[in-house]
Amino acid sequence: MILSIFSAQSLVNTSHDESLLFLVAEKVGSFWKKLARRLKVEEDVIDSIEKQRRDCEDCCRMALKKWREVNDSEATIRALMCCLTEMGYSSINWHIMKELNLLTVEKMQRLRDENVFN
């Protein structure tokens, strides 16, 4: 159990990959500017993205890429998940954990059997 917690912690402290960009963009949708602003993407960058792209998901992916470019090692999955939680979108984090294979039925059952939820 402890080993899996440490591996999960190290995984979320890394940068996100393209598949995660697509997942988050799909779930955030039309609220992409709110997410971009919360991640401190500059307003002129947001405006530029909006002018170049028409699709909300595409805009969100571009904003997340810009955030990653500017913030480099600080643009972690953990930072993104914290931001989503602060915005009231913590349900998206479940999808992220599932995408990262941190959340499976087997793992949830094992945690339940170990009384982690009590």
C-alpha atoms as a PDB file:
ATOM      1  CA  MET A   1       0.000   0.000   0.000  1.00  0.00           C
ATOM      2  CA  ILE A   2       2.744   2.479   0.954  1.00  0.00           C
ATOM      3  CA  LEU A   3       4.649   1.683  -2.223  1.00  0.00           C
ATOM      4  CA  SER A   4       1.591   2.469  -4.340  1.00  0.00           C
ATOM      5  CA  ILE A   5       1.067   5.779  -2.512  1.00  0.00           C
ATOM      6  CA  PHE A   6       4.668   6.803  -3.208  1.00  0.00           C
ATOM      7  CA  SER A   7       4.416   5.793  -6.861  1.00  0.00           C
ATOM      8  CA  ALA A   8       1.140   7.728  -7.176  1.00  0.00           C
ATOM      9  CA  GLN A   9       2.732  10.784  -5.569  1.00  0.00           C
ATOM     10  CA  SER A  10       5.707  10.669  -7.906  1.00  0.00           C
ATOM     11  CA  LEU A  11       3.410  10.234 -10.913  1.00  0.00           C
ATOM     12  CA  VAL A  12       1.209  13.255 -10.123  1.00  0.00           C
ATOM     13  CA  ASN A  13       4.305  15.368  -9.524  1.00  0.00           C
ATOM     14  CA  THR A  14       5.287  14.958 -13.175  1.00  0.00           C
ATOM     15  CA  SER A  15       4.169  16.910 -16.220  1.00  0.00           C
ATOM     16  CA  HIS A  16       1.018  15.873 -18.038  1.00  0.00           C
ATOM     17  CA  ASP A  17       1.096  14.192 -21.415  1.00  0.00           C
ATOM     18  CA  GLU A  18      -1.042  14.648 -24.522  1.00  0.00           C
ATOM     19  CA  SER A  19      -3.694  12.103 -23.521  1.00  0.00           C
ATOM     20  CA  LEU A  20      -4.294  14.010 -20.301  1.00  0.00           C
ATOM     21  CA  LEU A  21      -4.629  17.257 -22.253  1.00  0.00           C
ATOM     22  CA  PHE A  22      -7.405  15.720 -24.337  1.00  0.00           C
ATOM     23  CA  LEU A  23      -9.157  14.328 -21.261  1.00  0.00           C
ATOM     24  CA  VAL A  24      -9.069  17.580 -19.292  1.00  0.00           C
ATOM     25  CA  ALA A  25     -10.071  19.623 -22.339  1.00  0.00           C
ATOM     26  CA  GLU A  26     -13.042  17.358 -22.958  1.00  0.00           C
ATOM     27  CA  LYS A  27     -14.220  17.639 -19.349  1.00  0.00           C
ATOM     28  CA  VAL A  28     -13.557  21.375 -18.898  1.00  0.00           C
ATOM     29  CA  GLY A  29     -15.092  22.368 -22.230  1.00  0.00           C
ATOM     30  CA  SER A  30     -16.442  25.908 -22.353  1.00  0.00           C
ATOM     31  CA  PHE A  31     -14.882  26.786 -18.981  1.00  0.00           C
ATOM     32  CA  TRP A  32     -11.397  26.631 -20.483  1.00  0.00           C
ATOM     33  CA  LYS A  33     -10.738  30.360 -19.999  1.00  0.00           C
ATOM     34  CA  LYS A  34     -11.584  30.088 -16.316  1.00  0.00           C
ATOM     35  CA  LEU A  35      -9.068  27.245 -16.001  1.00  0.00           C
ATOM     36  CA  ALA A  36      -6.440  29.135 -18.001  1.00  0.00           C
ATOM     37  CA  ARG A  37      -6.815  32.223 -15.824  1.00  0.00           C
ATOM     38  CA  ARG A  38      -6.630  30.133 -12.651  1.00  0.00           C
ATOM     39  CA  LEU A  39      -3.404  28.592 -13.988  1.00  0.00           C
ATOM     40  CA  LYS A  40      -2.149  32.150 -14.543  1.00  0.00           C
ATOM     41  CA  VAL A  41      -1.971  31.947 -18.332  1.00  0.00           C
ATOM     42  CA  GLU A  42      -1.583  35.532 -19.485  1.00  0.00           C
ATOM     43  CA  GLU A  43      -4.694  37.242 -20.786  1.00  0.00           C
ATOM     44  CA  ASP A  44      -3.127  38.124 -24.141  1.00  0.00           C
ATOM     45  CA  VAL A  45      -2.213  34.458 -24.608  1.00  0.00           C
ATOM     46  CA  ILE A  46      -5.807  33.452 -23.838  1.00  0.00           C
ATOM     47  CA  ASP A  47      -7.061  36.010 -26.372  1.00  0.00           C
ATOM     48  CA  SER A  48      -4.602  34.756 -28.979  1.00  0.00           C
ATOM     49  CA  ILE A  49      -5.668  31.147 -28.439  1.00  0.00           C
ATOM     50  CA  GLU A  50      -9.314  32.116 -28.738  1.00  0.00           C
ATOM     51  CA  LYS A  51      -8.667  33.934 -32.031  1.00  0.00           C
ATOM     52  CA  GLN A  52      -6.733  30.999 -33.487  1.00  0.00           C
ATOM     53  CA  ARG A  53      -9.134  28.253 -32.396  1.00  0.00           C
ATOM     54  CA  ARG A  54     -12.897  27.988 -32.395  1.00  0.00           C
ATOM     55  CA  ASP A  55     -13.410  24.725 -30.554  1.00  0.00           C
ATOM     56  CA  CYS A  56     -13.402  24.990 -26.721  1.00  0.00           C
ATOM     57  CA  GLU A  57     -11.570  21.704 -26.287  1.00  0.00           C
ATOM     58  CA  ASP A  58      -8.853  22.782 -28.689  1.00  0.00           C
ATOM     59  CA  CYS A  59      -8.547  26.115 -26.872  1.00  0.00           C
ATOM     60  CA  CYS A  60      -8.230  24.322 -23.550  1.00  0.00           C
ATOM     61  CA  ARG A  61      -5.501  22.019 -24.891  1.00  0.00           C
ATOM     62  CA  MET A  62      -3.578  25.006 -26.231  1.00  0.00           C
ATOM     63  CA  ALA A  63      -3.922  26.875 -22.930  1.00  0.00           C
ATOM     64  CA  LEU A  64      -2.668  23.837 -21.009  1.00  0.00           C
ATOM     65  CA  LYS A  65       0.294  23.540 -23.388  1.00  0.00           C
ATOM     66  CA  LYS A  66       1.147  27.227 -22.883  1.00  0.00           C
ATOM     67  CA  TRP A  67       0.879  26.781 -19.111  1.00  0.00           C
ATOM     68  CA  ARG A  68       3.241  23.811 -19.327  1.00  0.00           C
ATOM     69  CA  GLU A  69       5.713  25.727 -21.526  1.00  0.00           C
ATOM     70  CA  VAL A  70       5.833  28.747 -19.218  1.00  0.00           C
ATOM     71  CA  ASN A  71       5.860  26.879 -15.905  1.00  0.00           C
ATOM     72  CA  ASP A  72       7.993  23.879 -16.905  1.00  0.00           C
ATOM     73  CA  SER A  73       8.642  21.751 -13.798  1.00  0.00           C
ATOM     74  CA  GLU A  74       5.910  23.467 -11.779  1.00  0.00           C
ATOM     75  CA  ALA A  75       3.251  22.523 -14.359  1.00  0.00           C
ATOM     76  CA  THR A  76       2.553  19.152 -12.785  1.00  0.00           C
ATOM     77  CA  ILE A  77      -0.483  16.924 -12.814  1.00  0.00           C
ATOM     78  CA  ARG A  78      -0.792  17.663  -9.097  1.00  0.00           C
ATOM     79  CA  ALA A  79      -0.883  21.418  -9.721  1.00  0.00           C
ATOM     80  CA  LEU A  80      -3.545  20.905 -12.382  1.00  0.00           C
ATOM     81  CA  MET A  81      -5.600  18.685 -10.079  1.00  0.00           C
ATOM     82  CA  CYS A  82      -5.339  21.209  -7.243  1.00  0.00           C
ATOM     83  CA  CYS A  83      -6.480  23.949  -9.595  1.00  0.00           C
ATOM     84  CA  LEU A  84      -9.453  21.876 -10.747  1.00  0.00           C
ATOM     85  CA  THR A  85     -10.393  21.198  -7.124  1.00  0.00           C
ATOM     86  CA  GLU A  86     -10.194  24.899  -6.230  1.00  0.00           C
ATOM     87  CA  MET A  87     -12.458  25.676  -9.185  1.00  0.00           C
ATOM     88  CA  GLY A  88     -15.048  23.160  -8.015  1.00  0.00           C
ATOM     89  CA  TYR A  89     -14.202  20.607 -10.714  1.00  0.00           C
ATOM     90  CA  SER A  90     -12.744  17.920  -8.476  1.00  0.00           C
ATOM     91  CA  SER A  91     -14.846  15.321 -10.294  1.00  0.00           C
ATOM     92  CA  ILE A  92     -12.458  15.731 -13.246  1.00  0.00           C
ATOM     93  CA  ASN A  93      -9.667  14.510 -10.955  1.00  0.00           C
ATOM     94  CA  TRP A  94     -11.349  11.093 -10.795  1.00  0.00           C
ATOM     95  CA  HIS A  95     -11.087  10.900 -14.582  1.00  0.00           C
ATOM     96  CA  ILE A  96      -7.425  11.939 -14.397  1.00  0.00           C
ATOM     97  CA  MET A  97      -6.675   9.271 -11.794  1.00  0.00           C
ATOM     98  CA  LYS A  98      -8.443   6.686 -13.937  1.00  0.00           C
ATOM     99  CA  GLU A  99      -6.441   7.779 -17.004  1.00  0.00           C
ATOM    100  CA  LEU A 100      -3.213   7.461 -14.998  1.00  0.00           C
ATOM    101  CA  ASN A 101      -4.299   3.999 -13.856  1.00  0.00           C
ATOM    102  CA  LEU A 102      -4.293   5.157 -10.247  1.00  0.00           C
ATOM    103  CA  LEU A 103      -7.958   4.331  -9.880  1.00  0.00           C
ATOM    104  CA  THR A 104      -9.199   0.901 -10.830  1.00  0.00           C
ATOM    105  CA  VAL A 105     -11.977  -1.251  -9.453  1.00  0.00           C
ATOM    106  CA  GLU A 106      -9.398  -3.642  -8.048  1.00  0.00           C
ATOM    107  CA  LYS A 107      -7.503  -0.860  -6.277  1.00  0.00           C
ATOM    108  CA  MET A 108     -10.706   0.595  -4.856  1.00  0.00           C
ATOM    109  CA  GLN A 109     -11.763  -2.839  -3.564  1.00  0.00           C
ATOM    110  CA  ARG A 110      -8.335  -3.394  -2.017  1.00  0.00           C
ATOM    111  CA  LEU A 111      -8.482  -0.003  -0.290  1.00  0.00           C
ATOM    112  CA  ARG A 112     -11.965  -0.794   0.966  1.00  0.00           C
ATOM    113  CA  ASP A 113     -10.798  -4.193   2.248  1.00  0.00           C
ATOM    114  CA  GLU A 114      -7.906  -2.480   4.054  1.00  0.00           C
ATOM    115  CA  ASN A 115     -10.424  -0.112   5.715  1.00  0.00           C
ATOM    116  CA  VAL A 116      -8.744   2.933   4.224  1.00  0.00           C
ATOM    117  CA  PHE A 117     -12.106   4.688   3.830  1.00  0.00           C
ATOM    118  CA  ASN A 118     -13.096   4.311   7.505  1.00  0.00           C
END
